[in-house]
Amino acid sequence: MIRSWVTATHIPGILNVDADTASPQFNPRVEWTLDSQIFQKIVDLFYLPEVDLFASRLTHQVESYVSRFPDPRAISVDAPSSVGNPQPGGMASIRRRFETAGFSPDVIEILLSSWSESTKKRYAGPWKAWAEWCTMSGWCPFSAPVTAVLSFLASLLKEKDLEYRTIAVYRSTISQTHDPIDSVPLGELPIVSKFMKGVFRAKPPKPKYCSSWNLAKVLDFLRN
């Protein structure tokens, strides 16, 4: 019986002529992707990846993907700088939610247009903070347990001393992208509502005015 061994050996680039021949001839307009049937066999053998790091809207094989160039449907751009810390933008995450639910692209565009530009901008900061916190804590921002969400919101109150209105924006941002729990949006869960009531009592909204006037005195002054 003949026994063969295969070993991997590093070859200096100057000697690796055959493999490096095509590198200088790279065509950015050509897209390559793993055969879908082979990809499915890998998924069946191991697991379904959460993110396709090197893809486009034409080649991605999972819902969330990172594109080489700016792409409104990608969760991030430039995979090498995103590896280990992918932080989808708020609206890109909401788009992903609708795609996962099975809505058509046309329906998704109409749904996303329901948010004004000011709302999209208001969600951007809270979503980034939530995604970073999840990365540090080892949670997925789309499916983190309620205990993790409330811990994050509590840190905004205890550590950052944020106001109730600001924390409510964070709550709404997370709820827009988080998977429903028992068919109930996260922001509408009784425990979350109870928590926000506690935040309201601990940090009640400050009045927008700095002082008040006696109305009778004001009217008397205007008459005279």
C-alpha atoms as a PDB file:
ATOM      1  CA  MET A   1       0.000   0.000   0.000  1.00  0.00           C
ATOM      2  CA  ILE A   2       1.292   3.437  -0.910  1.00  0.00           C
ATOM      3  CA  ARG A   3       0.675   6.105   1.706  1.00  0.00           C
ATOM      4  CA  SER A   4       0.716   9.742   0.615  1.00  0.00           C
ATOM      5  CA  TRP A   5       1.059  12.817   2.776  1.00  0.00           C
ATOM      6  CA  VAL A   6      -0.039  16.335   1.907  1.00  0.00           C
ATOM      7  CA  THR A   7       1.598  19.204   3.767  1.00  0.00           C
ATOM      8  CA  ALA A   8       1.282  22.994   3.488  1.00  0.00           C
ATOM      9  CA  THR A   9       4.501  24.893   2.888  1.00  0.00           C
ATOM     10  CA  HIS A  10       5.061  28.623   2.552  1.00  0.00           C
ATOM     11  CA  ILE A  11       6.533  29.739  -0.760  1.00  0.00           C
ATOM     12  CA  PRO A  12       7.976  33.277  -1.041  1.00  0.00           C
ATOM     13  CA  GLY A  13       5.953  35.480  -3.361  1.00  0.00           C
ATOM     14  CA  ILE A  14       8.891  35.940  -5.722  1.00  0.00           C
ATOM     15  CA  LEU A  15       8.872  32.175  -6.343  1.00  0.00           C
ATOM     16  CA  ASN A  16       5.097  31.677  -6.307  1.00  0.00           C
ATOM     17  CA  VAL A  17       4.789  32.752  -9.942  1.00  0.00           C
ATOM     18  CA  ASP A  18       1.808  30.662 -11.062  1.00  0.00           C
ATOM     19  CA  ALA A  19      -0.478  31.582  -8.161  1.00  0.00           C
ATOM     20  CA  ASP A  20       0.436  35.289  -8.280  1.00  0.00           C
ATOM     21  CA  THR A  21       0.064  35.711 -12.027  1.00  0.00           C
ATOM     22  CA  ALA A  22      -3.573  36.763 -11.876  1.00  0.00           C
ATOM     23  CA  SER A  23      -3.183  39.163  -8.946  1.00  0.00           C
ATOM     24  CA  PRO A  24      -2.044  42.208 -10.967  1.00  0.00           C
ATOM     25  CA  GLN A  25      -4.802  41.492 -13.485  1.00  0.00           C
ATOM     26  CA  PHE A  26      -7.622  41.883 -10.951  1.00  0.00           C
ATOM     27  CA  ASN A  27     -10.865  43.106 -12.523  1.00  0.00           C
ATOM     28  CA  PRO A  28     -13.068  44.944  -9.983  1.00  0.00           C
ATOM     29  CA  ARG A  29     -16.113  44.478 -12.211  1.00  0.00           C
ATOM     30  CA  VAL A  30     -15.994  40.687 -11.873  1.00  0.00           C
ATOM     31  CA  GLU A  31     -17.823  39.079  -8.934  1.00  0.00           C
ATOM     32  CA  TRP A  32     -16.977  35.644  -7.557  1.00  0.00           C
ATOM     33  CA  THR A  33     -19.080  33.596  -5.179  1.00  0.00           C
ATOM     34  CA  LEU A  34     -19.161  30.083  -3.758  1.00  0.00           C
ATOM     35  CA  ASP A  35     -21.509  27.710  -5.565  1.00  0.00           C
ATOM     36  CA  SER A  36     -24.866  27.829  -3.739  1.00  0.00           C
ATOM     37  CA  GLN A  37     -25.133  24.032  -3.492  1.00  0.00           C
ATOM     38  CA  ILE A  38     -21.664  23.745  -1.981  1.00  0.00           C
ATOM     39  CA  PHE A  39     -22.493  26.607   0.397  1.00  0.00           C
ATOM     40  CA  GLN A  40     -25.637  24.764   1.524  1.00  0.00           C
ATOM     41  CA  LYS A  41     -23.640  21.567   2.184  1.00  0.00           C
ATOM     42  CA  ILE A  42     -21.245  23.579   4.363  1.00  0.00           C
ATOM     43  CA  VAL A  43     -24.185  25.103   6.243  1.00  0.00           C
ATOM     44  CA  ASP A  44     -25.741  21.655   6.781  1.00  0.00           C
ATOM     45  CA  LEU A  45     -22.421  20.335   8.072  1.00  0.00           C
ATOM     46  CA  PHE A  46     -21.584  23.269  10.353  1.00  0.00           C
ATOM     47  CA  TYR A  47     -23.971  26.249  10.780  1.00  0.00           C
ATOM     48  CA  LEU A  48     -25.469  29.219   8.949  1.00  0.00           C
ATOM     49  CA  PRO A  49     -23.141  32.257   9.215  1.00  0.00           C
ATOM     50  CA  GLU A  50     -24.656  35.475  10.525  1.00  0.00           C
ATOM     51  CA  VAL A  51     -22.782  37.745   8.088  1.00  0.00           C
ATOM     52  CA  ASP A  52     -21.385  37.362   4.564  1.00  0.00           C
ATOM     53  CA  LEU A  53     -18.260  39.516   4.846  1.00  0.00           C
ATOM     54  CA  PHE A  54     -17.229  39.662   1.187  1.00  0.00           C
ATOM     55  CA  ALA A  55     -20.360  40.045  -0.936  1.00  0.00           C
ATOM     56  CA  SER A  56     -22.721  42.362  -2.764  1.00  0.00           C
ATOM     57  CA  ARG A  57     -26.445  42.601  -3.335  1.00  0.00           C
ATOM     58  CA  LEU A  58     -25.980  40.132  -6.223  1.00  0.00           C
ATOM     59  CA  THR A  59     -23.784  37.551  -4.502  1.00  0.00           C
ATOM     60  CA  HIS A  60     -24.645  37.493  -0.793  1.00  0.00           C
ATOM     61  CA  GLN A  61     -25.784  34.100   0.506  1.00  0.00           C
ATOM     62  CA  VAL A  62     -27.087  35.199   3.911  1.00  0.00           C
ATOM     63  CA  GLU A  63     -29.349  38.134   4.724  1.00  0.00           C
ATOM     64  CA  SER A  64     -26.649  40.290   6.333  1.00  0.00           C
ATOM     65  CA  TYR A  65     -23.621  41.080   4.226  1.00  0.00           C
ATOM     66  CA  VAL A  66     -20.704  43.515   4.011  1.00  0.00           C
ATOM     67  CA  SER A  67     -20.091  45.143   0.661  1.00  0.00           C
ATOM     68  CA  ARG A  68     -16.847  46.361  -0.853  1.00  0.00           C
ATOM     69  CA  PHE A  69     -18.517  49.560  -2.008  1.00  0.00           C
ATOM     70  CA  PRO A  70     -21.354  51.624  -0.450  1.00  0.00           C
ATOM     71  CA  ASP A  71     -24.557  49.624  -0.683  1.00  0.00           C
ATOM     72  CA  PRO A  72     -27.876  50.676   0.924  1.00  0.00           C
ATOM     73  CA  ARG A  73     -28.685  47.046   1.741  1.00  0.00           C
ATOM     74  CA  ALA A  74     -25.313  46.140   3.256  1.00  0.00           C
ATOM     75  CA  ILE A  75     -24.835  46.277   7.017  1.00  0.00           C
ATOM     76  CA  SER A  76     -21.340  47.695   6.571  1.00  0.00           C
ATOM     77  CA  VAL A  77     -18.674  48.504   3.992  1.00  0.00           C
ATOM     78  CA  ASP A  78     -15.070  47.279   3.669  1.00  0.00           C
ATOM     79  CA  ALA A  79     -14.887  43.897   5.409  1.00  0.00           C
ATOM     80  CA  PRO A  80     -11.233  44.126   6.576  1.00  0.00           C
ATOM     81  CA  SER A  81     -12.068  47.153   8.697  1.00  0.00           C
ATOM     82  CA  SER A  82     -15.344  45.608   9.905  1.00  0.00           C
ATOM     83  CA  VAL A  83     -14.133  42.156  10.956  1.00  0.00           C
ATOM     84  CA  GLY A  84     -14.662  41.579  14.657  1.00  0.00           C
ATOM     85  CA  ASN A  85     -16.777  44.675  15.076  1.00  0.00           C
ATOM     86  CA  PRO A  86     -19.553  44.859  12.484  1.00  0.00           C
ATOM     87  CA  GLN A  87     -22.025  47.566  13.434  1.00  0.00           C
ATOM     88  CA  PRO A  88     -24.959  47.783  11.064  1.00  0.00           C
ATOM     89  CA  GLY A  89     -26.540  51.146  10.554  1.00  0.00           C
ATOM     90  CA  GLY A  90     -29.993  51.588  12.028  1.00  0.00           C
ATOM     91  CA  MET A  91     -31.924  51.719   8.757  1.00  0.00           C
ATOM     92  CA  ALA A  92     -29.852  48.899   7.235  1.00  0.00           C
ATOM     93  CA  SER A  93     -30.805  46.777  10.226  1.00  0.00           C
ATOM     94  CA  ILE A  94     -34.478  47.620   9.840  1.00  0.00           C
ATOM     95  CA  ARG A  95     -34.214  46.699   6.160  1.00  0.00           C
ATOM     96  CA  ARG A  96     -32.720  43.374   7.212  1.00  0.00           C
ATOM     97  CA  ARG A  97     -35.667  42.827   9.560  1.00  0.00           C
ATOM     98  CA  PHE A  98     -38.147  43.338   6.717  1.00  0.00           C
ATOM     99  CA  GLU A  99     -36.152  41.100   4.372  1.00  0.00           C
ATOM    100  CA  THR A 100     -36.117  38.338   6.964  1.00  0.00           C
ATOM    101  CA  ALA A 101     -39.879  38.697   7.334  1.00  0.00           C
ATOM    102  CA  GLY A 102     -40.225  37.999   3.608  1.00  0.00           C
ATOM    103  CA  PHE A 103     -41.376  41.401   2.328  1.00  0.00           C
ATOM    104  CA  SER A 104     -40.647  42.200  -1.296  1.00  0.00           C
ATOM    105  CA  PRO A 105     -38.081  44.915  -2.169  1.00  0.00           C
ATOM    106  CA  ASP A 106     -40.852  47.275  -3.302  1.00  0.00           C
ATOM    107  CA  VAL A 107     -42.760  46.859  -0.042  1.00  0.00           C
ATOM    108  CA  ILE A 108     -39.559  47.362   1.966  1.00  0.00           C
ATOM    109  CA  GLU A 109     -38.788  50.625   0.183  1.00  0.00           C
ATOM    110  CA  ILE A 110     -42.273  51.942   0.967  1.00  0.00           C
ATOM    111  CA  LEU A 111     -42.025  50.862   4.617  1.00  0.00           C
ATOM    112  CA  LEU A 112     -38.631  52.509   5.031  1.00  0.00           C
ATOM    113  CA  SER A 113     -39.980  55.739   3.551  1.00  0.00           C
ATOM    114  CA  SER A 114     -42.306  55.993   6.559  1.00  0.00           C
ATOM    115  CA  TRP A 115     -39.317  57.217   8.576  1.00  0.00           C
ATOM    116  CA  SER A 116     -38.379  60.825   8.074  1.00  0.00           C
ATOM    117  CA  GLU A 117     -34.753  61.777   7.552  1.00  0.00           C
ATOM    118  CA  SER A 118     -34.670  63.323  11.018  1.00  0.00           C
ATOM    119  CA  THR A 119     -35.865  60.031  12.548  1.00  0.00           C
ATOM    120  CA  LYS A 120     -33.201  58.080  10.652  1.00  0.00           C
ATOM    121  CA  LYS A 121     -30.518  60.429  11.949  1.00  0.00           C
ATOM    122  CA  ARG A 122     -31.896  60.211  15.490  1.00  0.00           C
ATOM    123  CA  TYR A 123     -31.682  56.402  15.415  1.00  0.00           C
ATOM    124  CA  ALA A 124     -28.115  56.290  14.042  1.00  0.00           C
ATOM    125  CA  GLY A 125     -26.308  57.214  17.282  1.00  0.00           C
ATOM    126  CA  PRO A 126     -28.332  54.983  19.631  1.00  0.00           C
ATOM    127  CA  TRP A 127     -28.001  52.017  17.283  1.00  0.00           C
ATOM    128  CA  LYS A 128     -24.212  52.406  17.074  1.00  0.00           C
ATOM    129  CA  ALA A 129     -23.956  52.532  20.862  1.00  0.00           C
ATOM    130  CA  TRP A 130     -26.186  49.463  21.237  1.00  0.00           C
ATOM    131  CA  ALA A 131     -24.229  47.479  18.605  1.00  0.00           C
ATOM    132  CA  GLU A 132     -20.908  48.347  20.269  1.00  0.00           C
ATOM    133  CA  TRP A 133     -22.246  47.329  23.689  1.00  0.00           C
ATOM    134  CA  CYS A 134     -23.466  43.997  22.283  1.00  0.00           C
ATOM    135  CA  THR A 135     -20.088  43.355  20.637  1.00  0.00           C
ATOM    136  CA  MET A 136     -18.307  43.916  23.955  1.00  0.00           C
ATOM    137  CA  SER A 137     -20.850  41.812  25.859  1.00  0.00           C
ATOM    138  CA  GLY A 138     -21.004  38.943  23.365  1.00  0.00           C
ATOM    139  CA  TRP A 139     -24.647  39.421  22.319  1.00  0.00           C
ATOM    140  CA  CYS A 140     -26.268  39.719  18.919  1.00  0.00           C
ATOM    141  CA  PRO A 141     -28.029  43.127  18.719  1.00  0.00           C
ATOM    142  CA  PHE A 142     -30.952  41.525  16.863  1.00  0.00           C
ATOM    143  CA  SER A 143     -31.686  38.765  19.365  1.00  0.00           C
ATOM    144  CA  ALA A 144     -30.109  39.713  22.702  1.00  0.00           C
ATOM    145  CA  PRO A 145     -32.263  38.624  25.672  1.00  0.00           C
ATOM    146  CA  VAL A 146     -34.467  41.132  27.449  1.00  0.00           C
ATOM    147  CA  THR A 147     -32.131  40.994  30.442  1.00  0.00           C
ATOM    148  CA  ALA A 148     -29.269  42.257  28.237  1.00  0.00           C
ATOM    149  CA  VAL A 149     -31.403  45.028  26.718  1.00  0.00           C
ATOM    150  CA  LEU A 150     -32.475  46.271  30.144  1.00  0.00           C
ATOM    151  CA  SER A 151     -28.880  46.106  31.400  1.00  0.00           C
ATOM    152  CA  PHE A 152     -27.832  48.315  28.503  1.00  0.00           C
ATOM    153  CA  LEU A 153     -30.637  50.808  29.142  1.00  0.00           C
ATOM    154  CA  ALA A 154     -29.817  50.794  32.864  1.00  0.00           C
ATOM    155  CA  SER A 155     -26.197  51.688  32.049  1.00  0.00           C
ATOM    156  CA  LEU A 156     -27.452  54.741  30.168  1.00  0.00           C
ATOM    157  CA  LEU A 157     -29.200  55.907  33.332  1.00  0.00           C
ATOM    158  CA  LYS A 158     -26.648  54.901  35.974  1.00  0.00           C
ATOM    159  CA  GLU A 159     -23.353  55.416  34.135  1.00  0.00           C
ATOM    160  CA  LYS A 160     -24.142  58.103  31.561  1.00  0.00           C
ATOM    161  CA  ASP A 161     -26.882  59.879  33.528  1.00  0.00           C
ATOM    162  CA  LEU A 162     -29.081  60.278  30.441  1.00  0.00           C
ATOM    163  CA  GLU A 163     -32.575  61.753  30.617  1.00  0.00           C
ATOM    164  CA  TYR A 164     -35.777  59.721  30.269  1.00  0.00           C
ATOM    165  CA  ARG A 165     -36.542  61.110  26.812  1.00  0.00           C
ATOM    166  CA  THR A 166     -33.093  60.121  25.525  1.00  0.00           C
ATOM    167  CA  ILE A 167     -33.316  56.602  26.968  1.00  0.00           C
ATOM    168  CA  ALA A 168     -36.744  56.253  25.372  1.00  0.00           C
ATOM    169  CA  VAL A 169     -35.150  56.928  21.972  1.00  0.00           C
ATOM    170  CA  TYR A 170     -32.635  54.136  22.634  1.00  0.00           C
ATOM    171  CA  ARG A 171     -35.497  51.823  23.610  1.00  0.00           C
ATOM    172  CA  SER A 172     -37.388  52.627  20.404  1.00  0.00           C
ATOM    173  CA  THR A 173     -34.282  52.158  18.251  1.00  0.00           C
ATOM    174  CA  ILE A 174     -33.570  48.699  19.680  1.00  0.00           C
ATOM    175  CA  SER A 175     -37.221  47.690  19.428  1.00  0.00           C
ATOM    176  CA  GLN A 176     -37.319  48.575  15.722  1.00  0.00           C
ATOM    177  CA  THR A 177     -34.578  46.049  14.896  1.00  0.00           C
ATOM    178  CA  HIS A 178     -34.893  43.420  17.623  1.00  0.00           C
ATOM    179  CA  ASP A 179     -36.615  40.100  16.967  1.00  0.00           C
ATOM    180  CA  PRO A 180     -40.138  40.028  18.486  1.00  0.00           C
ATOM    181  CA  ILE A 181     -40.478  37.990  21.672  1.00  0.00           C
ATOM    182  CA  ASP A 182     -43.514  35.713  21.630  1.00  0.00           C
ATOM    183  CA  SER A 183     -44.815  37.814  18.700  1.00  0.00           C
ATOM    184  CA  VAL A 184     -44.598  40.991  20.808  1.00  0.00           C
ATOM    185  CA  PRO A 185     -42.241  43.862  19.852  1.00  0.00           C
ATOM    186  CA  LEU A 186     -39.552  44.250  22.484  1.00  0.00           C
ATOM    187  CA  GLY A 187     -40.534  47.822  23.274  1.00  0.00           C
ATOM    188  CA  GLU A 188     -44.098  46.713  24.102  1.00  0.00           C
ATOM    189  CA  LEU A 189     -43.189  43.944  26.541  1.00  0.00           C
ATOM    190  CA  PRO A 190     -44.721  44.554  29.998  1.00  0.00           C
ATOM    191  CA  ILE A 191     -41.321  44.245  31.691  1.00  0.00           C
ATOM    192  CA  VAL A 192     -39.823  46.842  29.348  1.00  0.00           C
ATOM    193  CA  SER A 193     -42.753  49.211  29.898  1.00  0.00           C
ATOM    194  CA  LYS A 194     -42.383  48.754  33.656  1.00  0.00           C
ATOM    195  CA  PHE A 195     -38.642  49.453  33.391  1.00  0.00           C
ATOM    196  CA  MET A 196     -39.253  52.668  31.431  1.00  0.00           C
ATOM    197  CA  LYS A 197     -41.786  53.747  34.049  1.00  0.00           C
ATOM    198  CA  GLY A 198     -39.076  53.296  36.650  1.00  0.00           C
ATOM    199  CA  VAL A 199     -36.677  55.373  34.524  1.00  0.00           C
ATOM    200  CA  PHE A 200     -39.330  58.080  34.308  1.00  0.00           C
ATOM    201  CA  ARG A 201     -39.618  58.224  38.095  1.00  0.00           C
ATOM    202  CA  ALA A 202     -35.866  58.110  38.613  1.00  0.00           C
ATOM    203  CA  LYS A 203     -35.111  60.699  35.939  1.00  0.00           C
ATOM    204  CA  PRO A 204     -38.287  62.658  35.157  1.00  0.00           C
ATOM    205  CA  PRO A 205     -38.205  64.887  32.060  1.00  0.00           C
ATOM    206  CA  LYS A 206     -37.134  68.399  32.818  1.00  0.00           C
ATOM    207  CA  PRO A 207     -39.552  71.194  31.792  1.00  0.00           C
ATOM    208  CA  LYS A 208     -38.571  72.987  28.614  1.00  0.00           C
ATOM    209  CA  TYR A 209     -39.079  76.383  30.257  1.00  0.00           C
ATOM    210  CA  CYS A 210     -36.681  77.851  32.824  1.00  0.00           C
ATOM    211  CA  SER A 211     -39.255  79.861  34.802  1.00  0.00           C
ATOM    212  CA  SER A 212     -43.005  80.438  35.043  1.00  0.00           C
ATOM    213  CA  TRP A 213     -45.127  83.556  35.263  1.00  0.00           C
ATOM    214  CA  ASN A 214     -48.321  84.337  37.101  1.00  0.00           C
ATOM    215  CA  LEU A 215     -50.863  84.689  34.290  1.00  0.00           C
ATOM    216  CA  ALA A 216     -52.984  87.265  36.153  1.00  0.00           C
ATOM    217  CA  LYS A 217     -49.972  89.540  36.632  1.00  0.00           C
ATOM    218  CA  VAL A 218     -48.970  89.178  32.980  1.00  0.00           C
ATOM    219  CA  LEU A 219     -52.449  90.117  31.757  1.00  0.00           C
ATOM    220  CA  ASP A 220     -52.622  93.014  34.179  1.00  0.00           C
ATOM    221  CA  PHE A 221     -49.253  94.261  32.909  1.00  0.00           C
ATOM    222  CA  LEU A 222     -50.384  94.040  29.285  1.00  0.00           C
ATOM    223  CA  ARG A 223     -53.592  95.967  30.051  1.00  0.00           C
ATOM    224  CA  ASN A 224     -51.614  98.822  31.594  1.00  0.00           C
END
